[in-house]
PDB file of N, CA and C in Angstrom:
ATOM      1  N   MET A   1       1.741  -5.039 -14.633  1.00  0.00           N
ATOM      2  CA  MET A   1       2.011  -5.115 -13.683  1.00  0.00           C
ATOM      3  C   MET A   1       3.408  -4.811 -13.308  1.00  0.00           C
ATOM      4  N   GLN A   2       4.604  -5.304 -14.388  1.00  0.00           N
ATOM      5  CA  GLN A   2       5.951  -5.180 -13.981  1.00  0.00           C
ATOM      6  C   GLN A   2       6.513  -3.429 -13.734  1.00  0.00           C
ATOM      7  N   THR A   3       5.273  -2.813 -13.962  1.00  0.00           N
ATOM      8  CA  THR A   3       5.861  -0.937 -13.603  1.00  0.00           C
ATOM      9  C   THR A   3       5.096  -1.348 -12.353  1.00  0.00           C
ATOM     10  N   PHE A   4       3.771  -1.318 -11.936  1.00  0.00           N
ATOM     11  CA  PHE A   4       3.786  -1.984 -10.615  1.00  0.00           C
ATOM     12  C   PHE A   4       4.594  -1.910  -9.501  1.00  0.00           C
ATOM     13  N   LEU A   5       5.288  -3.290  -9.911  1.00  0.00           N
ATOM     14  CA  LEU A   5       6.687  -3.786  -8.495  1.00  0.00           C
ATOM     15  C   LEU A   5       7.388  -3.384  -9.392  1.00  0.00           C
ATOM     16  N   TYR A   6       7.775  -2.418 -10.391  1.00  0.00           N
ATOM     17  CA  TYR A   6       8.890  -1.876 -10.511  1.00  0.00           C
ATOM     18  C   TYR A   6       8.813  -0.017  -9.403  1.00  0.00           C
ATOM     19  N   ASN A   7       7.616   0.561  -9.387  1.00  0.00           N
ATOM     20  CA  ASN A   7       7.636   1.335  -9.104  1.00  0.00           C
ATOM     21  C   ASN A   7       7.856   1.855  -7.595  1.00  0.00           C
ATOM     22  N   GLY A   8       6.953   0.208  -7.484  1.00  0.00           N
ATOM     23  CA  GLY A   8       7.033  -0.016  -5.821  1.00  0.00           C
ATOM     24  C   GLY A   8       8.607  -0.214  -5.372  1.00  0.00           C
ATOM     25  N   LEU A   9       9.385  -0.595  -5.510  1.00  0.00           N
ATOM     26  CA  LEU A   9      10.999  -1.161  -5.341  1.00  0.00           C
ATOM     27  C   LEU A   9      11.450  -0.179  -5.384  1.00  0.00           C
ATOM     28  N   LEU A  10      11.354   0.884  -6.597  1.00  0.00           N
ATOM     29  CA  LEU A  10      12.266   1.899  -6.329  1.00  0.00           C
ATOM     30  C   LEU A  10      11.761   3.196  -5.773  1.00  0.00           C
ATOM     31  N   ALA A  11      10.834   3.362  -5.500  1.00  0.00           N
ATOM     32  CA  ALA A  11      10.268   4.437  -4.632  1.00  0.00           C
ATOM     33  C   ALA A  11      10.805   4.922  -3.502  1.00  0.00           C
ATOM     34  N   PRO A  12      11.115   6.135  -2.800  1.00  0.00           N
ATOM     35  CA  PRO A  12      12.357   6.830  -1.504  1.00  0.00           C
ATOM     36  C   PRO A  12      11.515   5.607  -0.976  1.00  0.00           C
ATOM     37  N   TRP A  13      12.635   5.502   0.177  1.00  0.00           N
ATOM     38  CA  TRP A  13      12.510   4.393   1.938  1.00  0.00           C
ATOM     39  C   TRP A  13      11.678   5.545   2.618  1.00  0.00           C
ATOM     40  N   THR A  14      10.565   5.616   3.558  1.00  0.00           N
ATOM     41  CA  THR A  14      10.451   6.481   4.452  1.00  0.00           C
ATOM     42  C   THR A  14      10.611   5.590   5.838  1.00  0.00           C
ATOM     43  N   LEU A  15      10.014   6.624   6.971  1.00  0.00           N
ATOM     44  CA  LEU A  15      10.387   6.044   8.248  1.00  0.00           C
ATOM     45  C   LEU A  15       9.553   4.877   8.329  1.00  0.00           C
ATOM     46  N   LEU A  16       8.559   4.842   7.935  1.00  0.00           N
ATOM     47  CA  LEU A  16       7.940   4.107   8.214  1.00  0.00           C
ATOM     48  C   LEU A  16       8.082   2.460   7.250  1.00  0.00           C
ATOM     49  N   ARG A  17       8.249   3.066   6.024  1.00  0.00           N
ATOM     50  CA  ARG A  17       8.950   1.747   5.055  1.00  0.00           C
ATOM     51  C   ARG A  17       9.822   0.876   5.811  1.00  0.00           C
ATOM     52  N   PHE A  18      11.240   1.438   6.428  1.00  0.00           N
ATOM     53  CA  PHE A  18      11.867   1.488   7.133  1.00  0.00           C
ATOM     54  C   PHE A  18      11.686   0.324   7.644  1.00  0.00           C
ATOM     55  N   LEU A  19      10.433   0.692   8.581  1.00  0.00           N
ATOM     56  CA  LEU A  19      10.328   0.298  10.488  1.00  0.00           C
ATOM     57  C   LEU A  19       9.564  -1.064  10.123  1.00  0.00           C
ATOM     58  N   ARG A  20       8.773  -1.199   8.931  1.00  0.00           N
ATOM     59  CA  ARG A  20       7.746  -2.285   8.746  1.00  0.00           C
ATOM     60  C   ARG A  20       9.003  -3.310   8.040  1.00  0.00           C
ATOM     61  N   PHE A  21      10.495  -2.876   7.496  1.00  0.00           N
ATOM     62  CA  PHE A  21      10.996  -4.159   7.015  1.00  0.00           C
ATOM     63  C   PHE A  21      12.016  -4.312   7.972  1.00  0.00           C
ATOM     64  N   LEU A  22      12.346  -3.465   8.734  1.00  0.00           N
ATOM     65  CA  LEU A  22      13.256  -4.045  10.171  1.00  0.00           C
ATOM     66  C   LEU A  22      12.601  -4.750  10.939  1.00  0.00           C
ATOM     67  N   MET A  23      11.183  -4.503  11.334  1.00  0.00           N
ATOM     68  CA  MET A  23       9.979  -5.515  12.223  1.00  0.00           C
ATOM     69  C   MET A  23       9.932  -6.817  11.348  1.00  0.00           C
ATOM     70  N   GLY A  24       9.483  -6.843  10.463  1.00  0.00           N
ATOM     71  CA  GLY A  24       9.868  -8.148   9.182  1.00  0.00           C
ATOM     72  C   GLY A  24      10.928  -9.266   9.198  1.00  0.00           C
ATOM     73  N   ALA A  25      11.954  -8.107   9.449  1.00  0.00           N
ATOM     74  CA  ALA A  25      13.420  -9.060   9.389  1.00  0.00           C
ATOM     75  C   ALA A  25      13.616  -9.808  11.048  1.00  0.00           C
ATOM     76  N   LEU A  26      13.220  -8.992  11.924  1.00  0.00           N
ATOM     77  CA  LEU A  26      13.438  -9.054  13.566  1.00  0.00           C
ATOM     78  C   LEU A  26      12.637 -10.328  13.753  1.00  0.00           C
ATOM     79  N   LEU A  27      11.459 -10.368  13.371  1.00  0.00           N
ATOM     80  CA  LEU A  27      10.190 -10.956  13.261  1.00  0.00           C
ATOM     81  C   LEU A  27      10.823 -12.778  12.404  1.00  0.00           C
ATOM     82  N   LEU A  28      11.398 -12.518  11.514  1.00  0.00           N
ATOM     83  CA  LEU A  28      11.697 -13.412  10.401  1.00  0.00           C
ATOM     84  C   LEU A  28      13.036 -14.509  11.423  1.00  0.00           C
ATOM     85  N   VAL A  29      13.458 -13.503  12.019  1.00  0.00           N
ATOM     86  CA  VAL A  29      14.697 -14.081  12.212  1.00  0.00           C
ATOM     87  C   VAL A  29      14.299 -15.435  13.618  1.00  0.00           C
ATOM     88  N   GLN A  30      13.653 -14.171  14.653  1.00  0.00           N
ATOM     89  CA  GLN A  30      13.310 -14.959  16.169  1.00  0.00           C
ATOM     90  C   GLN A  30      12.183 -15.994  15.474  1.00  0.00           C
ATOM     91  N   ALA A  31      11.761 -16.099  14.587  1.00  0.00           N
ATOM     92  CA  ALA A  31      10.679 -17.050  13.654  1.00  0.00           C
ATOM     93  C   ALA A  31      11.544 -18.616  13.713  1.00  0.00           C
ATOM     94  N   TYR A  32      12.422 -17.650  12.998  1.00  0.00           N
ATOM     95  CA  TYR A  32      13.720 -18.963  12.689  1.00  0.00           C
ATOM     96  C   TYR A  32      13.903 -19.573  13.632  1.00  0.00           C
ATOM     97  N   GLN A  33      14.341 -19.013  14.288  1.00  0.00           N
ATOM     98  CA  GLN A  33      15.502 -19.589  15.608  1.00  0.00           C
ATOM     99  C   GLN A  33      14.563 -20.071  16.860  1.00  0.00           C
ATOM    100  N   LEU A  34      13.349 -19.711  17.053  1.00  0.00           N
ATOM    101  CA  LEU A  34      12.263 -20.367  17.710  1.00  0.00           C
ATOM    102  C   LEU A  34      11.080 -21.591  16.787  1.00  0.00           C
ATOM    103  N   LYS A  35      11.355 -21.854  15.348  1.00  0.00           N
ATOM    104  CA  LYS A  35      11.047 -22.989  14.291  1.00  0.00           C
ATOM    105  C   LYS A  35       9.424 -22.796  14.808  1.00  0.00           C
ATOM    106  N   GLU A  36       8.872 -21.678  14.513  1.00  0.00           N
ATOM    107  CA  GLU A  36       7.651 -21.293  14.546  1.00  0.00           C
ATOM    108  C   GLU A  36       7.392 -20.484  13.176  1.00  0.00           C
ATOM    109  N   TYR A  37       6.781 -21.427  12.252  1.00  0.00           N
ATOM    110  CA  TYR A  37       7.084 -21.149  10.760  1.00  0.00           C
ATOM    111  C   TYR A  37       6.214 -20.626  10.016  1.00  0.00           C
ATOM    112  N   TRP A  38       4.436 -20.249  11.268  1.00  0.00           N
ATOM    113  CA  TRP A  38       3.387 -19.465  10.999  1.00  0.00           C
ATOM    114  C   TRP A  38       4.021 -18.294  11.029  1.00  0.00           C
ATOM    115  N   ILE A  39       4.308 -18.156  12.046  1.00  0.00           N
ATOM    116  CA  ILE A  39       5.065 -16.736  12.040  1.00  0.00           C
ATOM    117  C   ILE A  39       5.874 -15.887  11.018  1.00  0.00           C
ATOM    118  N   MET A  40       6.310 -17.035  10.427  1.00  0.00           N
ATOM    119  CA  MET A  40       7.669 -16.534   9.245  1.00  0.00           C
ATOM    120  C   MET A  40       6.671 -15.667   8.056  1.00  0.00           C
ATOM    121  N   GLY A  41       5.992 -16.645   8.509  1.00  0.00           N
ATOM    122  CA  GLY A  41       4.190 -16.028   7.284  1.00  0.00           C
ATOM    123  C   GLY A  41       4.370 -15.175   7.487  1.00  0.00           C
ATOM    124  N   VAL A  42       3.814 -14.481   8.649  1.00  0.00           N
ATOM    125  CA  VAL A  42       3.774 -12.726   9.273  1.00  0.00           C
ATOM    126  C   VAL A  42       4.608 -12.269   8.607  1.00  0.00           C
ATOM    127  N   ALA A  43       5.368 -12.494   9.225  1.00  0.00           N
ATOM    128  CA  ALA A  43       7.213 -11.738   8.597  1.00  0.00           C
ATOM    129  C   ALA A  43       7.632 -11.664   7.472  1.00  0.00           C
ATOM    130  N   ALA A  44       7.665 -12.441   6.808  1.00  0.00           N
ATOM    131  CA  ALA A  44       7.453 -12.018   4.690  1.00  0.00           C
ATOM    132  C   ALA A  44       6.007 -11.097   4.784  1.00  0.00           C
ATOM    133  N   PHE A  45       4.940 -11.109   5.473  1.00  0.00           N
ATOM    134  CA  PHE A  45       4.181  -9.988   4.681  1.00  0.00           C
ATOM    135  C   PHE A  45       4.617  -8.956   5.196  1.00  0.00           C
ATOM    136  N   PHE A  46       4.966  -8.697   6.200  1.00  0.00           N
ATOM    137  CA  PHE A  46       5.835  -7.394   6.386  1.00  0.00           C
ATOM    138  C   PHE A  46       7.518  -7.136   5.673  1.00  0.00           C
ATOM    139  N   ILE A  47       8.081  -7.742   5.331  1.00  0.00           N
ATOM    140  CA  ILE A  47       8.672  -7.955   4.616  1.00  0.00           C
ATOM    141  C   ILE A  47       8.149  -7.166   3.341  1.00  0.00           C
ATOM    142  N   LEU A  48       7.628  -8.196   2.273  1.00  0.00           N
ATOM    143  CA  LEU A  48       7.133  -7.902   1.314  1.00  0.00           C
ATOM    144  C   LEU A  48       6.330  -6.442   1.339  1.00  0.00           C
ATOM    145  N   MET A  49       5.243  -5.553   2.034  1.00  0.00           N
ATOM    146  CA  MET A  49       4.670  -4.701   2.360  1.00  0.00           C
ATOM    147  C   MET A  49       5.970  -3.528   1.832  1.00  0.00           C
ATOM    148  N   ALA A  50       6.856  -3.573   2.513  1.00  0.00           N
ATOM    149  CA  ALA A  50       8.121  -2.719   2.530  1.00  0.00           C
ATOM    150  C   ALA A  50       8.801  -2.773   1.545  1.00  0.00           C
ATOM    151  N   LEU A  51       9.368  -4.024   1.068  1.00  0.00           N
ATOM    152  CA  LEU A  51       9.964  -4.355  -0.549  1.00  0.00           C
ATOM    153  C   LEU A  51       8.362  -3.194  -1.673  1.00  0.00           C
ATOM    154  N   LEU A  52       7.392  -3.337  -1.414  1.00  0.00           N
ATOM    155  CA  LEU A  52       6.830  -3.456  -2.982  1.00  0.00           C
ATOM    156  C   LEU A  52       6.186  -1.750  -2.231  1.00  0.00           C
ATOM    157  N   ASN A  53       6.674  -1.278  -1.188  1.00  0.00           N
ATOM    158  CA  ASN A  53       6.030   0.217  -0.738  1.00  0.00           C
ATOM    159  C   ASN A  53       4.386  -0.013  -0.295  1.00  0.00           C
ATOM    160  N   ARG A  54       3.774  -1.247   0.083  1.00  0.00           N
ATOM    161  CA  ARG A  54       2.344  -1.019   0.225  1.00  0.00           C
ATOM    162  C   ARG A  54       1.973  -1.337   1.199  1.00  0.00           C
ATOM    163  N   GLY A  55       0.655  -1.074   1.659  1.00  0.00           N
ATOM    164  CA  GLY A  55       0.122  -1.402   3.063  1.00  0.00           C
ATOM    165  C   GLY A  55      -1.166  -0.804   3.321  1.00  0.00           C
ATOM    166  N   CYS A  56      -2.007  -1.099   4.171  1.00  0.00           N
ATOM    167  CA  CYS A  56      -3.424  -0.438   4.539  1.00  0.00           C
ATOM    168  C   CYS A  56      -3.014   0.797   5.476  1.00  0.00           C
ATOM    169  N   CYS A  57      -1.866   1.396   5.854  1.00  0.00           N
ATOM    170  CA  CYS A  57      -1.917   2.108   6.796  1.00  0.00           C
ATOM    171  C   CYS A  57      -2.068   3.536   6.537  1.00  0.00           C
ATOM    172  N   GLY A  58      -3.197   3.665   5.743  1.00  0.00           N
ATOM    173  CA  GLY A  58      -3.485   5.158   5.089  1.00  0.00           C
ATOM    174  C   GLY A  58      -4.709   5.982   6.313  1.00  0.00           C
ATOM    175  N   VAL A  59      -4.831   6.902   6.163  1.00  0.00           N
ATOM    176  CA  VAL A  59      -5.832   7.368   6.987  1.00  0.00           C
ATOM    177  C   VAL A  59      -7.072   7.360   6.807  1.00  0.00           C
ATOM    178  N   ALA A  60      -8.012   6.369   5.512  1.00  0.00           N
ATOM    179  CA  ALA A  60      -8.944   5.899   5.366  1.00  0.00           C
ATOM    180  C   ALA A  60      -8.737   4.586   5.745  1.00  0.00           C
ATOM    181  N   GLY A  61      -7.342   3.835   5.525  1.00  0.00           N
ATOM    182  CA  GLY A  61      -7.804   2.377   5.759  1.00  0.00           C
ATOM    183  C   GLY A  61      -7.784   1.971   4.244  1.00  0.00           C
ATOM    184  N   THR A  62      -7.303   2.568   3.461  1.00  0.00           N
ATOM    185  CA  THR A  62      -7.600   1.750   2.242  1.00  0.00           C
ATOM    186  C   THR A  62      -6.649   1.307   0.816  1.00  0.00           C
ATOM    187  N   CYS A  63      -6.077   0.272   0.360  1.00  0.00           N
ATOM    188  CA  CYS A  63      -5.043   0.114  -0.126  1.00  0.00           C
ATOM    189  C   CYS A  63      -4.871   0.211  -1.733  1.00  0.00           C
ATOM    190  N   ALA A  64      -5.667   1.032  -1.882  1.00  0.00           N
ATOM    191  CA  ALA A  64      -5.973   1.848  -3.542  1.00  0.00           C
ATOM    192  C   ALA A  64      -4.407   2.525  -3.986  1.00  0.00           C
ATOM    193  N   PRO A  65      -4.463   2.569  -5.171  1.00  0.00           N
ATOM    194  CA  PRO A  65      -3.263   3.319  -5.105  1.00  0.00           C
ATOM    195  C   PRO A  65      -3.327   5.204  -5.142  1.00  0.00           C
ATOM    196  N   ASN A  66      -2.591   5.749  -5.820  1.00  0.00           N
ATOM    197  CA  ASN A  66      -3.292   7.154  -5.699  1.00  0.00           C
ATOM    198  C   ASN A  66      -3.789   7.578  -6.854  1.00  0.00           C
ATOM    199  N   THR A  67      -3.601   7.586  -7.898  1.00  0.00           N
ATOM    200  CA  THR A  67      -4.067   7.544  -8.806  1.00  0.00           C
ATOM    201  C   THR A  67      -4.593   6.394  -9.959  1.00  0.00           C
ATOM    202  N   LEU A  68      -5.390   7.285 -11.154  1.00  0.00           N
ATOM    203  CA  LEU A  68      -6.652   5.830 -11.183  1.00  0.00           C
ATOM    204  C   LEU A  68      -5.710   5.809 -12.486  1.00  0.00           C
ATOM    205  N   PRO A  69      -5.839   4.432 -13.327  1.00  0.00           N
ATOM    206  CA  PRO A  69      -5.616   4.217 -14.050  1.00  0.00           C
ATOM    207  C   PRO A  69      -5.635   4.893 -15.481  1.00  0.00           C
ATOM    208  N   HIS A  70      -5.110   5.115 -16.446  1.00  0.00           N
ATOM    209  CA  HIS A  70      -5.710   5.984 -17.998  1.00  0.00           C
ATOM    210  C   HIS A  70      -6.655   5.148 -18.465  1.00  0.00           C
ATOM    211  N   ASN A  71      -7.779   5.485 -18.860  1.00  0.00           N
ATOM    212  CA  ASN A  71      -8.865   4.454 -19.175  1.00  0.00           C
ATOM    213  C   ASN A  71      -8.267   4.880 -21.297  1.00  0.00           C
ATOM    214  N   GLY A  72      -8.186   5.382 -21.445  1.00  0.00           N
ATOM    215  CA  GLY A  72      -7.927   5.603 -23.091  1.00  0.00           C
ATOM    216  C   GLY A  72      -8.195   6.880 -23.650  1.00  0.00           C
ATOM    217  N   SER A  73      -9.543   7.264 -22.912  1.00  0.00           N
ATOM    218  CA  SER A  73     -10.530   8.634 -23.297  1.00  0.00           C
ATOM    219  C   SER A  73      -9.928   9.624 -22.870  1.00  0.00           C
ATOM    220  N   ASN A  74     -10.121  10.954 -23.619  1.00  0.00           N
ATOM    221  CA  ASN A  74      -9.602  12.200 -23.108  1.00  0.00           C
ATOM    222  C   ASN A  74     -10.865  13.001 -22.393  1.00  0.00           C
ATOM    223  N   ASN A  75     -11.689  12.210 -21.863  1.00  0.00           N
ATOM    224  CA  ASN A  75     -12.884  13.169 -21.375  1.00  0.00           C
ATOM    225  C   ASN A  75     -12.785  13.771 -19.530  1.00  0.00           C
ATOM    226  N   ASP A  76     -11.566  14.866 -19.509  1.00  0.00           N
ATOM    227  CA  ASP A  76     -11.118  14.921 -18.045  1.00  0.00           C
ATOM    228  C   ASP A  76     -11.756  15.987 -17.482  1.00  0.00           C
ATOM    229  N   THR A  77     -13.264  16.513 -18.823  1.00  0.00           N
ATOM    230  CA  THR A  77     -14.320  17.609 -17.733  1.00  0.00           C
ATOM    231  C   THR A  77     -15.014  16.917 -16.496  1.00  0.00           C
ATOM    232  N   THR A  78     -15.265  17.507 -15.591  1.00  0.00           N
ATOM    233  CA  THR A  78     -16.586  17.193 -14.478  1.00  0.00           C
ATOM    234  C   THR A  78     -17.677  17.563 -14.726  1.00  0.00           C
ATOM    235  N   GLU A  79     -18.707  17.125 -14.733  1.00  0.00           N
ATOM    236  CA  GLU A  79     -20.247  18.001 -14.935  1.00  0.00           C
ATOM    237  C   GLU A  79     -20.678  18.774 -13.762  1.00  0.00           C
ATOM    238  N   GLN A  80     -21.233  19.930 -13.837  1.00  0.00           N
ATOM    239  CA  GLN A  80     -21.309  20.650 -12.701  1.00  0.00           C
ATOM    240  C   GLN A  80     -22.979  19.700 -12.361  1.00  0.00           C
ATOM    241  N   ILE A  81     -22.923  20.051 -10.808  1.00  0.00           N
ATOM    242  CA  ILE A  81     -24.537  19.440 -10.266  1.00  0.00           C
ATOM    243  C   ILE A  81     -25.110  20.842  -9.851  1.00  0.00           C
ATOM    244  N   HIS A  82     -26.172  20.695 -10.001  1.00  0.00           N
ATOM    245  CA  HIS A  82     -27.146  22.141  -9.326  1.00  0.00           C
ATOM    246  C   HIS A  82     -28.322  21.203  -8.614  1.00  0.00           C
ATOM    247  N   TYR A  83     -27.715  22.445  -7.710  1.00  0.00           N
ATOM    248  CA  TYR A  83     -29.013  21.665  -6.270  1.00  0.00           C
ATOM    249  C   TYR A  83     -29.889  22.742  -6.514  1.00  0.00           C
ATOM    250  N   GLU A  84     -31.229  22.392  -5.952  1.00  0.00           N
ATOM    251  CA  GLU A  84     -32.480  22.894  -5.742  1.00  0.00           C
ATOM    252  C   GLU A  84     -33.073  22.980  -4.240  1.00  0.00           C
ATOM    253  N   GLU A  85     -33.330  24.283  -3.570  1.00  0.00           N
ATOM    254  CA  GLU A  85     -33.479  24.021  -2.038  1.00  0.00           C
ATOM    255  C   GLU A  85     -35.128  23.942  -2.483  1.00  0.00           C
ATOM    256  N   ILE A  86     -35.170  23.300  -1.501  1.00  0.00           N
ATOM    257  CA  ILE A  86     -36.879  22.960  -0.920  1.00  0.00           C
ATOM    258  C   ILE A  86     -36.850  22.940   0.210  1.00  0.00           C
ATOM    259  N   LYS A  87     -37.962  23.943   0.109  1.00  0.00           N
ATOM    260  CA  LYS A  87     -38.669  24.688   2.030  1.00  0.00           C
ATOM    261  C   LYS A  87     -40.379  24.412   1.825  1.00  0.00           C
ATOM    262  N   LYS A  88     -39.805  24.462   3.558  1.00  0.00           N
ATOM    263  CA  LYS A  88     -41.160  23.511   3.665  1.00  0.00           C
ATOM    264  C   LYS A  88     -42.207  24.676   4.100  1.00  0.00           C
TER     265      LYS A  88
END
């Protein structure tokens, strides 16, 4: 868990990550001035997404990490699938 957070914080900042942080910060200031406390939660969500470099903005719309965790097995081979053509 620590490496997940640590890697998220130290990942290079992209334009979309910076825009998420800026939007969250501006929304947080505006919500504080208007005393709209529920909007502060939305702003905190945007800031947290930017800081941890996470979000559901991908092509497939998933929040899954790019790599799968290693389960300790050394079985990296894939099984070939054989198809049989069916004719009518």
